Amino acid sequence: MAARELRVADREVQIAVVDGRGRPLRLSGLSAWLRRVVPRAVSGEVVIALVSDARIRELNRRFRRMDAPTDVLTFPETVHLDPHPSSRASGDIVISTQTARRQAREAGHSDIVELRILALHGLLHLVGYDHDSSSDRGRMARVERRLRAKGGLREGLIERGSRPPRRREPSGPAKRRAKARVGESTGRNPSAGR
């Protein structure tokens, strides 16, 4: 990202966190964290709506013609016709809390860490980055990597999406069933001969 892209008067980005009905939520830690990691030159008003899988699926179907829940959607206040990101971040970030919870478990971190990952990713889209565009050439991934490091996150959404899914070790009863299946797959009875 060129330095000129974010060199404007220092203004603050205002961030509100609401539920699916627009009621304020007490997640000031999320908005404060996001304000800390976003470059100071970025300004605007952002609403982060935490919704259900059903609601985000409805929005995904309506606006992207994809009939499935997703983790995060963004709705900029204005459409970016310029292919370069701006310093204005105004609009809505919609995050599915159910999907975020599943992804947090899969990644091995807390729900709040996942909400931070998704909020940062959404904010970059509001500013005008688009990792799915051929003209982006990795810019969004580089900015996301820099900002998530500033915010103490191990990985970002783009980075995680580019690697194969992590295989989780089973625990408890699932671990015992997996061990039993290993014995069965070799044609031996796991308890025989003991």
Protein backbone atom coordinates (compact mmCIF):
# COMPACT_ATOMS: atom_id res chain seq x y z
CA MET A 1 0.00 0.00 0.00
CA ALA A 2 1.44 3.34 -0.99
CA ALA A 3 1.91 5.85 1.81
CA ARG A 4 -0.13 8.45 -0.05
CA GLU A 5 -3.21 6.27 0.16
CA LEU A 6 -3.60 6.81 3.88
CA ARG A 7 -2.05 10.26 4.34
CA VAL A 8 -4.96 12.48 5.32
CA ALA A 9 -5.73 14.53 8.41
CA ASP A 10 -5.83 12.44 11.58
CA ARG A 11 -9.43 11.56 12.18
CA GLU A 12 -10.87 8.68 14.07
CA VAL A 13 -12.97 5.82 12.89
CA GLN A 14 -16.14 5.44 14.98
CA ILE A 15 -17.12 1.81 15.56
CA ALA A 16 -20.37 0.54 17.05
CA VAL A 17 -21.12 -3.12 17.77
CA VAL A 18 -24.77 -4.18 17.56
CA ASP A 19 -26.85 -7.34 17.49
CA GLY A 20 -28.96 -8.48 14.54
CA ARG A 21 -31.74 -6.06 15.53
CA GLY A 22 -29.44 -3.05 15.77
CA ARG A 23 -29.30 -2.98 19.57
CA PRO A 24 -25.94 -1.92 21.02
CA LEU A 25 -23.83 -4.71 22.50
CA ARG A 26 -21.28 -4.42 25.28
CA LEU A 27 -18.31 -5.48 23.19
CA SER A 28 -16.37 -2.25 23.50
CA GLY A 29 -13.18 -4.33 23.59
CA LEU A 30 -13.75 -5.33 19.96
CA SER A 31 -14.30 -1.76 18.76
CA ALA A 32 -11.40 -0.40 20.87
CA TRP A 33 -9.07 -3.12 19.53
CA LEU A 34 -10.05 -2.39 15.94
CA ARG A 35 -9.55 1.37 16.41
CA ARG A 36 -6.06 0.66 17.81
CA VAL A 37 -4.89 -1.43 14.85
CA VAL A 38 -6.40 0.59 12.02
CA PRO A 39 -4.11 3.26 10.58
CA ARG A 40 -4.85 6.65 12.16
CA ALA A 41 -5.59 8.19 8.80
CA VAL A 42 -8.61 5.95 8.27
CA SER A 43 -11.80 7.68 9.29
CA GLY A 44 -15.49 7.01 9.09
CA GLU A 45 -18.37 5.35 10.84
CA VAL A 46 -18.55 1.57 11.00
CA VAL A 47 -21.27 -0.62 12.45
CA ILE A 48 -20.36 -4.23 13.26
CA ALA A 49 -23.53 -6.34 13.39
CA LEU A 50 -23.23 -9.72 15.10
CA VAL A 51 -25.90 -11.99 13.64
CA SER A 52 -26.96 -15.63 13.36
CA ASP A 53 -26.07 -18.03 10.56
CA ALA A 54 -29.67 -17.80 9.35
CA ARG A 55 -29.49 -13.99 9.02
CA ILE A 56 -26.09 -13.93 7.29
CA ARG A 57 -27.26 -16.70 4.95
CA GLU A 58 -30.26 -14.56 4.02
CA LEU A 59 -27.99 -11.57 3.33
CA ASN A 60 -25.52 -13.72 1.40
CA ARG A 61 -28.34 -15.11 -0.75
CA ARG A 62 -29.85 -11.66 -1.35
CA PHE A 63 -26.68 -9.73 -2.15
CA ARG A 64 -24.22 -12.34 -3.43
CA ARG A 65 -26.63 -14.99 -4.76
CA MET A 66 -24.93 -17.60 -2.55
CA ASP A 67 -27.37 -19.69 -0.55
CA ALA A 68 -25.11 -20.52 2.39
CA PRO A 69 -23.98 -18.89 5.60
CA THR A 70 -20.62 -17.15 5.55
CA ASP A 71 -18.42 -15.63 8.22
CA VAL A 72 -18.33 -11.95 7.28
CA LEU A 73 -20.03 -9.62 4.80
CA THR A 74 -19.41 -5.92 4.26
CA PHE A 75 -21.72 -3.21 3.02
CA PRO A 76 -19.84 0.01 2.19
CA GLU A 77 -21.70 3.27 2.53
CA THR A 78 -20.43 4.23 -0.94
CA VAL A 79 -19.30 2.07 -3.82
CA HIS A 80 -15.56 2.31 -4.54
CA LEU A 81 -15.13 3.03 -8.24
CA ASP A 82 -11.44 3.76 -7.77
CA PRO A 83 -9.45 0.49 -7.73
CA HIS A 84 -7.19 1.89 -4.97
CA PRO A 85 -8.18 1.76 -1.30
CA SER A 86 -9.18 5.02 0.32
CA SER A 87 -8.87 6.43 3.83
CA ARG A 88 -12.64 6.39 4.32
CA ALA A 89 -14.19 3.37 6.04
CA SER A 90 -17.92 3.85 6.37
CA GLY A 91 -20.49 1.12 6.25
CA ASP A 92 -21.54 -2.09 7.89
CA ILE A 93 -19.64 -5.25 8.73
CA VAL A 94 -21.91 -8.23 9.36
CA ILE A 95 -20.41 -11.21 11.21
CA SER A 96 -22.07 -14.54 11.93
CA THR A 97 -21.39 -15.38 15.56
CA GLN A 98 -22.19 -19.06 14.96
CA THR A 99 -19.71 -19.35 12.11
CA ALA A 100 -17.16 -17.32 14.09
CA ARG A 101 -17.54 -19.72 17.03
CA ARG A 102 -17.00 -22.77 14.78
CA GLN A 103 -13.98 -21.19 13.11
CA ALA A 104 -12.50 -20.24 16.49
CA ARG A 105 -12.75 -23.84 17.68
CA GLU A 106 -11.20 -25.12 14.44
CA ALA A 107 -8.35 -22.60 14.69
CA GLY A 108 -7.80 -23.27 18.38
CA HIS A 109 -8.40 -19.75 19.70
CA SER A 110 -11.15 -17.82 21.51
CA ASP A 111 -14.33 -16.42 19.99
CA ILE A 112 -13.13 -12.84 20.58
CA VAL A 113 -9.93 -13.52 18.62
CA GLU A 114 -12.05 -14.80 15.73
CA LEU A 115 -14.31 -11.74 15.92
CA ARG A 116 -11.19 -9.54 15.71
CA ILE A 117 -9.92 -11.45 12.66
CA LEU A 118 -13.28 -11.08 10.91
CA ALA A 119 -13.78 -7.42 11.90
CA LEU A 120 -10.31 -6.48 10.61
CA HIS A 121 -10.93 -8.31 7.36
CA GLY A 122 -14.31 -6.60 6.96
CA LEU A 123 -12.85 -3.18 7.69
CA LEU A 124 -10.24 -3.62 4.97
CA HIS A 125 -13.04 -4.41 2.53
CA LEU A 126 -14.86 -1.23 3.62
CA VAL A 127 -11.74 0.80 2.88
CA GLY A 128 -11.74 -0.68 -0.62
CA TYR A 129 -9.38 -3.66 -0.59
CA ASP A 130 -10.57 -6.75 -2.44
CA HIS A 131 -8.38 -9.85 -2.26
CA ASP A 132 -10.64 -11.56 -4.82
CA SER A 133 -9.79 -8.94 -7.46
CA SER A 134 -6.90 -9.57 -9.84
CA SER A 135 -5.88 -5.91 -9.50
CA ASP A 136 -5.25 -6.39 -5.74
CA ARG A 137 -2.06 -8.41 -6.38
CA GLY A 138 -1.75 -9.37 -2.72
CA ARG A 139 -2.05 -5.85 -1.30
CA MET A 140 -4.95 -6.69 1.01
CA ALA A 141 -3.13 -9.75 2.35
CA ARG A 142 -0.01 -7.67 3.08
CA VAL A 143 -1.99 -4.96 4.88
CA GLU A 144 -4.01 -7.55 6.80
CA ARG A 145 -0.77 -9.29 7.86
CA ARG A 146 0.77 -6.02 9.08
CA LEU A 147 -2.32 -4.90 10.99
CA ARG A 148 -3.05 -8.27 12.57
CA ALA A 149 0.56 -8.43 13.78
CA LYS A 150 0.10 -4.96 15.27
CA GLY A 151 -3.01 -6.26 17.02
CA GLY A 152 -1.36 -9.46 18.28
CA LEU A 153 -3.19 -11.94 16.04
CA ARG A 154 -1.34 -15.05 14.85
CA GLU A 155 -3.10 -15.27 11.52
CA GLY A 156 -5.55 -13.45 9.31
CA LEU A 157 -8.52 -14.61 7.29
CA ILE A 158 -6.78 -14.43 3.90
CA GLU A 159 -3.73 -16.29 5.20
CA ARG A 160 -5.90 -18.98 6.81
CA GLY A 161 -7.96 -19.39 3.64
CA SER A 162 -4.87 -20.03 1.54
CA ARG A 163 -3.67 -23.08 3.47
CA PRO A 164 -5.21 -26.54 3.75
CA PRO A 165 -7.47 -27.10 6.76
CA ARG A 166 -5.75 -28.13 9.96
CA ARG A 167 -6.41 -31.68 11.12
CA ARG A 168 -7.48 -31.69 14.74
CA GLU A 169 -6.58 -34.45 17.16
CA PRO A 170 -9.63 -36.06 18.72
CA SER A 171 -9.99 -36.00 22.50
CA GLY A 172 -11.95 -37.96 25.11
CA PRO A 173 -14.40 -40.55 23.73
CA ALA A 174 -13.62 -39.52 20.15
CA LYS A 175 -9.94 -40.32 20.77
CA ARG A 176 -10.82 -43.78 22.12
CA ARG A 177 -13.06 -44.47 19.09
CA ALA A 178 -10.27 -43.35 16.75
CA LYS A 179 -7.81 -45.72 18.46
CA ALA A 180 -10.32 -48.55 18.17
CA ARG A 181 -10.76 -47.82 14.46
CA VAL A 182 -6.99 -47.92 13.96
CA GLY A 183 -6.94 -51.46 15.36
CA GLU A 184 -9.90 -52.47 13.21
CA SER A 185 -8.31 -51.13 10.05
CA THR A 186 -5.37 -53.51 10.44
CA GLY A 187 -7.70 -56.48 10.80
CA ARG A 188 -6.72 -57.00 14.44
CA ASN A 189 -9.00 -56.87 17.41
CA PRO A 190 -7.50 -54.04 19.48
CA SER A 191 -8.12 -55.87 22.77
CA ALA A 192 -6.91 -59.30 21.57
CA GLY A 193 -3.55 -60.53 22.75
CA ARG A 194 -3.42 -58.32 25.84
